[in-house]
N, C-alpha and C. Protein backbone atom coordinates (compact mmCIF):
# COMPACT_ATOMS: atom_id res chain seq x y z
N MET A 1 -11.61 -0.64 3.58
CA MET A 1 -11.04 -0.87 2.27
C MET A 1 -12.12 -0.99 1.21
N ALA A 2 -13.29 -1.43 1.59
CA ALA A 2 -14.35 -1.68 0.61
C ALA A 2 -14.69 -0.43 -0.20
N ASN A 3 -14.68 0.73 0.45
CA ASN A 3 -15.06 1.94 -0.28
C ASN A 3 -13.97 2.42 -1.24
N ARG A 4 -12.77 1.85 -1.17
CA ARG A 4 -11.69 2.21 -2.09
C ARG A 4 -11.36 1.10 -3.08
N TYR A 5 -12.02 -0.04 -2.97
CA TYR A 5 -11.75 -1.15 -3.89
C TYR A 5 -12.08 -0.67 -5.30
N PRO A 6 -11.19 -0.88 -6.27
CA PRO A 6 -11.48 -0.43 -7.63
C PRO A 6 -12.79 -1.07 -8.14
N PRO A 7 -13.77 -0.26 -8.55
CA PRO A 7 -15.10 -0.78 -8.88
C PRO A 7 -15.10 -1.88 -9.94
N GLU A 8 -14.37 -1.72 -11.02
CA GLU A 8 -14.36 -2.74 -12.07
C GLU A 8 -13.75 -4.05 -11.57
N ALA A 9 -12.69 -3.94 -10.77
CA ALA A 9 -12.07 -5.14 -10.20
C ALA A 9 -13.04 -5.83 -9.24
N TRP A 10 -13.81 -5.06 -8.50
CA TRP A 10 -14.79 -5.65 -7.58
C TRP A 10 -15.88 -6.38 -8.37
N ARG A 11 -16.38 -5.72 -9.42
CA ARG A 11 -17.44 -6.35 -10.23
C ARG A 11 -16.97 -7.65 -10.86
N SER A 12 -15.71 -7.69 -11.30
CA SER A 12 -15.18 -8.90 -11.94
C SER A 12 -14.50 -9.83 -10.93
N ARG A 13 -14.60 -9.50 -9.65
CA ARG A 13 -14.06 -10.33 -8.55
C ARG A 13 -12.58 -10.61 -8.71
N ARG A 14 -11.83 -9.56 -9.02
CA ARG A 14 -10.38 -9.64 -9.17
C ARG A 14 -9.72 -9.10 -7.90
N GLU A 15 -8.67 -9.76 -7.45
CA GLU A 15 -7.92 -9.29 -6.29
C GLU A 15 -6.67 -8.57 -6.75
N GLY A 16 -6.05 -7.82 -5.84
CA GLY A 16 -4.87 -7.05 -6.20
C GLY A 16 -3.83 -6.99 -5.10
N ARG A 17 -2.59 -6.78 -5.52
CA ARG A 17 -1.46 -6.60 -4.60
C ARG A 17 -0.78 -5.28 -4.93
N VAL A 18 -0.34 -4.60 -3.89
CA VAL A 18 0.34 -3.32 -4.07
C VAL A 18 1.47 -3.22 -3.05
N VAL A 19 2.56 -2.60 -3.45
CA VAL A 19 3.62 -2.24 -2.51
C VAL A 19 3.80 -0.73 -2.60
N LEU A 20 3.74 -0.08 -1.45
CA LEU A 20 3.94 1.36 -1.34
C LEU A 20 5.25 1.63 -0.61
N CYS A 21 5.91 2.71 -0.96
CA CYS A 21 7.02 3.24 -0.16
C CYS A 21 6.49 4.55 0.42
N CYS A 22 6.58 4.66 1.74
CA CYS A 22 5.92 5.77 2.44
C CYS A 22 6.91 6.56 3.30
N LEU A 23 6.78 7.85 3.23
CA LEU A 23 7.53 8.76 4.09
C LEU A 23 6.69 9.00 5.34
N VAL A 24 7.28 8.77 6.51
CA VAL A 24 6.60 9.06 7.77
C VAL A 24 6.81 10.55 8.05
N GLN A 25 5.73 11.30 8.00
CA GLN A 25 5.79 12.74 8.18
C GLN A 25 5.78 13.12 9.66
N GLU A 26 6.13 14.36 9.94
CA GLU A 26 6.17 14.83 11.34
C GLU A 26 4.81 14.74 12.02
N ASN A 27 3.73 14.84 11.25
CA ASN A 27 2.38 14.76 11.83
C ASN A 27 1.91 13.31 11.99
N ARG A 28 2.84 12.32 11.79
CA ARG A 28 2.60 10.89 11.95
C ARG A 28 1.82 10.27 10.80
N ARG A 29 1.48 11.06 9.80
CA ARG A 29 0.79 10.52 8.63
C ARG A 29 1.80 10.01 7.62
N LEU A 30 1.31 9.26 6.65
CA LEU A 30 2.17 8.69 5.61
C LEU A 30 1.93 9.40 4.28
N ALA A 31 3.02 9.66 3.57
CA ALA A 31 2.95 10.16 2.20
C ALA A 31 3.57 9.06 1.34
N CYS A 32 2.74 8.37 0.56
CA CYS A 32 3.19 7.14 -0.11
C CYS A 32 3.20 7.26 -1.62
N ALA A 33 4.06 6.45 -2.21
CA ALA A 33 4.13 6.30 -3.66
C ALA A 33 4.01 4.82 -3.98
N VAL A 34 3.34 4.51 -5.07
CA VAL A 34 3.18 3.13 -5.52
C VAL A 34 4.48 2.70 -6.20
N VAL A 35 5.05 1.58 -5.74
CA VAL A 35 6.27 1.06 -6.38
C VAL A 35 6.02 -0.27 -7.09
N ALA A 36 4.90 -0.91 -6.81
CA ALA A 36 4.53 -2.14 -7.51
C ALA A 36 3.03 -2.37 -7.37
N GLU A 37 2.44 -2.93 -8.44
CA GLU A 37 1.01 -3.17 -8.46
C GLU A 37 0.74 -4.39 -9.34
N SER A 38 -0.14 -5.28 -8.86
CA SER A 38 -0.49 -6.46 -9.64
C SER A 38 -1.95 -6.81 -9.38
N PRO A 39 -2.75 -6.96 -10.44
CA PRO A 39 -2.41 -6.72 -11.83
C PRO A 39 -2.32 -5.23 -12.12
N ALA A 40 -1.44 -4.88 -13.01
CA ALA A 40 -1.22 -3.47 -13.36
C ALA A 40 -2.44 -2.89 -14.08
N GLY A 41 -2.63 -1.60 -13.87
CA GLY A 41 -3.67 -0.88 -14.60
C GLY A 41 -5.10 -1.14 -14.16
N GLN A 42 -5.29 -1.75 -13.01
CA GLN A 42 -6.64 -2.05 -12.54
C GLN A 42 -7.11 -1.10 -11.44
N GLY A 43 -6.25 -0.14 -11.04
CA GLY A 43 -6.64 0.84 -10.03
C GLY A 43 -6.26 0.50 -8.61
N PHE A 44 -5.60 -0.65 -8.40
CA PHE A 44 -5.24 -1.03 -7.04
C PHE A 44 -4.19 -0.10 -6.43
N GLY A 45 -3.23 0.35 -7.24
CA GLY A 45 -2.18 1.23 -6.74
C GLY A 45 -2.74 2.53 -6.21
N GLU A 46 -3.60 3.16 -6.98
CA GLU A 46 -4.20 4.43 -6.54
C GLU A 46 -5.10 4.21 -5.33
N ALA A 47 -5.84 3.11 -5.30
CA ALA A 47 -6.68 2.81 -4.14
C ALA A 47 -5.83 2.65 -2.88
N ALA A 48 -4.71 1.95 -2.99
CA ALA A 48 -3.83 1.76 -1.84
C ALA A 48 -3.23 3.09 -1.39
N ARG A 49 -2.83 3.92 -2.34
CA ARG A 49 -2.26 5.23 -1.99
C ARG A 49 -3.29 6.09 -1.26
N LEU A 50 -4.53 6.08 -1.73
CA LEU A 50 -5.59 6.85 -1.07
C LEU A 50 -5.88 6.31 0.33
N LEU A 51 -5.88 5.01 0.48
CA LEU A 51 -6.09 4.42 1.81
C LEU A 51 -4.96 4.79 2.76
N SER A 52 -3.73 4.73 2.28
CA SER A 52 -2.58 5.02 3.15
C SER A 52 -2.60 6.46 3.66
N ALA A 53 -3.21 7.36 2.91
CA ALA A 53 -3.28 8.76 3.34
C ALA A 53 -4.12 8.91 4.61
N ARG A 54 -4.91 7.90 4.93
CA ARG A 54 -5.74 7.94 6.14
C ARG A 54 -5.04 7.34 7.35
N TYR A 55 -3.91 6.67 7.12
CA TYR A 55 -3.18 6.02 8.21
C TYR A 55 -2.44 7.06 9.05
N ARG A 56 -2.33 6.75 10.33
CA ARG A 56 -1.53 7.59 11.22
C ARG A 56 -0.82 6.66 12.19
N LEU A 57 0.49 6.83 12.32
CA LEU A 57 1.26 6.01 13.25
C LEU A 57 1.07 6.52 14.67
N THR A 58 1.31 5.65 15.63
CA THR A 58 1.29 6.09 17.02
C THR A 58 2.48 7.05 17.19
N PRO A 59 2.44 7.91 18.19
CA PRO A 59 3.58 8.80 18.40
C PRO A 59 4.89 8.04 18.57
N GLU A 60 4.86 6.92 19.28
CA GLU A 60 6.08 6.14 19.51
C GLU A 60 6.61 5.54 18.20
N ALA A 61 5.72 4.98 17.39
CA ALA A 61 6.13 4.39 16.12
C ALA A 61 6.68 5.45 15.17
N ALA A 62 6.03 6.61 15.13
CA ALA A 62 6.51 7.69 14.26
C ALA A 62 7.91 8.15 14.68
N LEU A 63 8.14 8.29 15.97
CA LEU A 63 9.46 8.69 16.46
C LEU A 63 10.51 7.65 16.09
N ARG A 64 10.17 6.39 16.24
CA ARG A 64 11.11 5.32 15.92
C ARG A 64 11.47 5.34 14.43
N TRP A 65 10.48 5.50 13.57
CA TRP A 65 10.74 5.51 12.13
C TRP A 65 11.52 6.75 11.71
N ARG A 66 11.23 7.88 12.32
CA ARG A 66 11.89 9.12 11.93
C ARG A 66 13.29 9.26 12.52
N ALA A 67 13.60 8.52 13.58
CA ALA A 67 14.88 8.65 14.28
C ALA A 67 16.08 8.28 13.42
N GLY A 68 15.92 7.39 12.47
CA GLY A 68 17.04 6.93 11.66
C GLY A 68 17.49 7.89 10.58
N GLY A 69 16.80 8.99 10.39
CA GLY A 69 17.21 9.96 9.38
C GLY A 69 16.60 9.72 8.01
N ALA A 70 16.12 8.53 7.73
CA ALA A 70 15.45 8.22 6.47
C ALA A 70 14.12 7.54 6.82
N PRO A 71 13.11 8.35 7.13
CA PRO A 71 11.86 7.80 7.66
C PRO A 71 10.97 7.17 6.58
N ILE A 72 11.49 6.15 5.90
CA ILE A 72 10.75 5.49 4.83
C ILE A 72 10.34 4.09 5.29
N LEU A 73 9.12 3.73 5.03
CA LEU A 73 8.70 2.36 5.32
C LEU A 73 8.05 1.75 4.08
N ARG A 74 8.14 0.44 4.01
CA ARG A 74 7.56 -0.33 2.90
C ARG A 74 6.23 -0.89 3.39
N LEU A 75 5.18 -0.62 2.64
CA LEU A 75 3.84 -1.02 3.06
C LEU A 75 3.18 -1.88 1.98
N PRO A 76 3.15 -3.20 2.17
CA PRO A 76 2.43 -4.06 1.22
C PRO A 76 0.93 -4.08 1.55
N MET A 77 0.11 -4.16 0.52
CA MET A 77 -1.34 -4.26 0.71
C MET A 77 -1.89 -5.34 -0.21
N TYR A 78 -2.90 -6.03 0.27
CA TYR A 78 -3.57 -7.05 -0.53
C TYR A 78 -5.06 -6.74 -0.53
N PHE A 79 -5.65 -6.65 -1.70
CA PHE A 79 -7.08 -6.42 -1.83
C PHE A 79 -7.74 -7.76 -2.12
N SER A 80 -8.66 -8.16 -1.27
CA SER A 80 -9.34 -9.45 -1.42
C SER A 80 -10.81 -9.22 -1.73
N ALA A 81 -11.30 -9.92 -2.73
CA ALA A 81 -12.71 -9.82 -3.12
C ALA A 81 -13.54 -10.95 -2.53
N GLY A 82 -12.97 -11.72 -1.61
CA GLY A 82 -13.71 -12.77 -0.93
C GLY A 82 -13.59 -14.13 -1.60
N THR A 83 -14.34 -15.06 -1.07
CA THR A 83 -14.31 -16.45 -1.55
C THR A 83 -14.65 -16.53 -3.03
N GLY A 84 -13.86 -17.29 -3.76
CA GLY A 84 -14.11 -17.50 -5.18
C GLY A 84 -13.57 -16.42 -6.09
N ALA A 85 -12.90 -15.44 -5.54
CA ALA A 85 -12.35 -14.35 -6.36
C ALA A 85 -11.11 -14.82 -7.11
N GLN A 86 -10.83 -14.14 -8.20
CA GLN A 86 -9.63 -14.42 -9.00
C GLN A 86 -8.43 -13.83 -8.25
N PRO A 87 -7.48 -14.68 -7.78
CA PRO A 87 -6.35 -14.16 -7.01
C PRO A 87 -5.46 -13.26 -7.85
N ALA A 88 -4.84 -12.32 -7.18
CA ALA A 88 -3.91 -11.42 -7.86
C ALA A 88 -2.64 -12.16 -8.20
N PRO A 89 -2.09 -11.92 -9.39
CA PRO A 89 -0.79 -12.52 -9.70
C PRO A 89 0.26 -11.96 -8.75
N PRO A 90 1.29 -12.75 -8.45
CA PRO A 90 2.35 -12.22 -7.59
C PRO A 90 3.09 -11.07 -8.26
N ILE A 91 3.65 -10.22 -7.45
CA ILE A 91 4.48 -9.14 -7.97
C ILE A 91 5.81 -9.77 -8.36
N ALA A 92 6.26 -9.48 -9.58
CA ALA A 92 7.43 -10.16 -10.16
C ALA A 92 8.66 -10.13 -9.26
N SER A 93 9.00 -8.99 -8.75
CA SER A 93 10.13 -8.89 -7.82
C SER A 93 9.70 -8.01 -6.66
N GLU A 94 10.15 -8.34 -5.48
CA GLU A 94 9.76 -7.57 -4.31
C GLU A 94 10.52 -6.24 -4.29
N PRO A 95 9.84 -5.15 -4.61
CA PRO A 95 10.51 -3.86 -4.62
C PRO A 95 10.89 -3.43 -3.21
N GLN A 96 12.00 -2.76 -3.11
CA GLN A 96 12.47 -2.24 -1.83
C GLN A 96 12.42 -0.72 -1.86
N CYS A 97 12.25 -0.15 -0.70
CA CYS A 97 12.28 1.30 -0.57
C CYS A 97 13.70 1.73 -0.25
N ALA A 98 13.97 2.99 -0.34
CA ALA A 98 15.33 3.50 -0.12
C ALA A 98 15.87 3.10 1.23
N SER A 99 15.03 3.06 2.25
CA SER A 99 15.49 2.72 3.58
C SER A 99 14.47 1.84 4.26
N ASN A 100 14.64 0.53 4.20
CA ASN A 100 13.74 -0.41 4.87
C ASN A 100 14.29 -0.79 6.22
N ARG A 101 13.37 -1.10 7.13
CA ARG A 101 13.79 -1.59 8.44
C ARG A 101 13.13 -2.88 8.71
C-alpha cells in the first residue's frame, strides 16, 4: 500500500477511508469503482482503485461470488499513516453495492 499512498496525504500524515464496489471478473480479478472516500479529494479513492486492480480471488472465492448472478462485492479500505497521524473522518453513510453478500 505504501507505494500507492497519496503523496501529499503521506507528507501531511493524513489517513483515508475508501469504499469500493467491485465486479468479480471471470479471470478472478476485480474491476472496482469508488463509491465513497474520506477525506474527499485527497487521492485515496484512486489509490484504492489502483490497488484493487492487483487483487485476485482464489478460484473457489471467485466461483462463489460469481454464482449468484450479480458478482459484486463491497471492499472497504483504510489508509494508515502510522502513529500520530491525523485520522480519516468517518464516511457519512455506509454506501452499499448493488448486490452485497
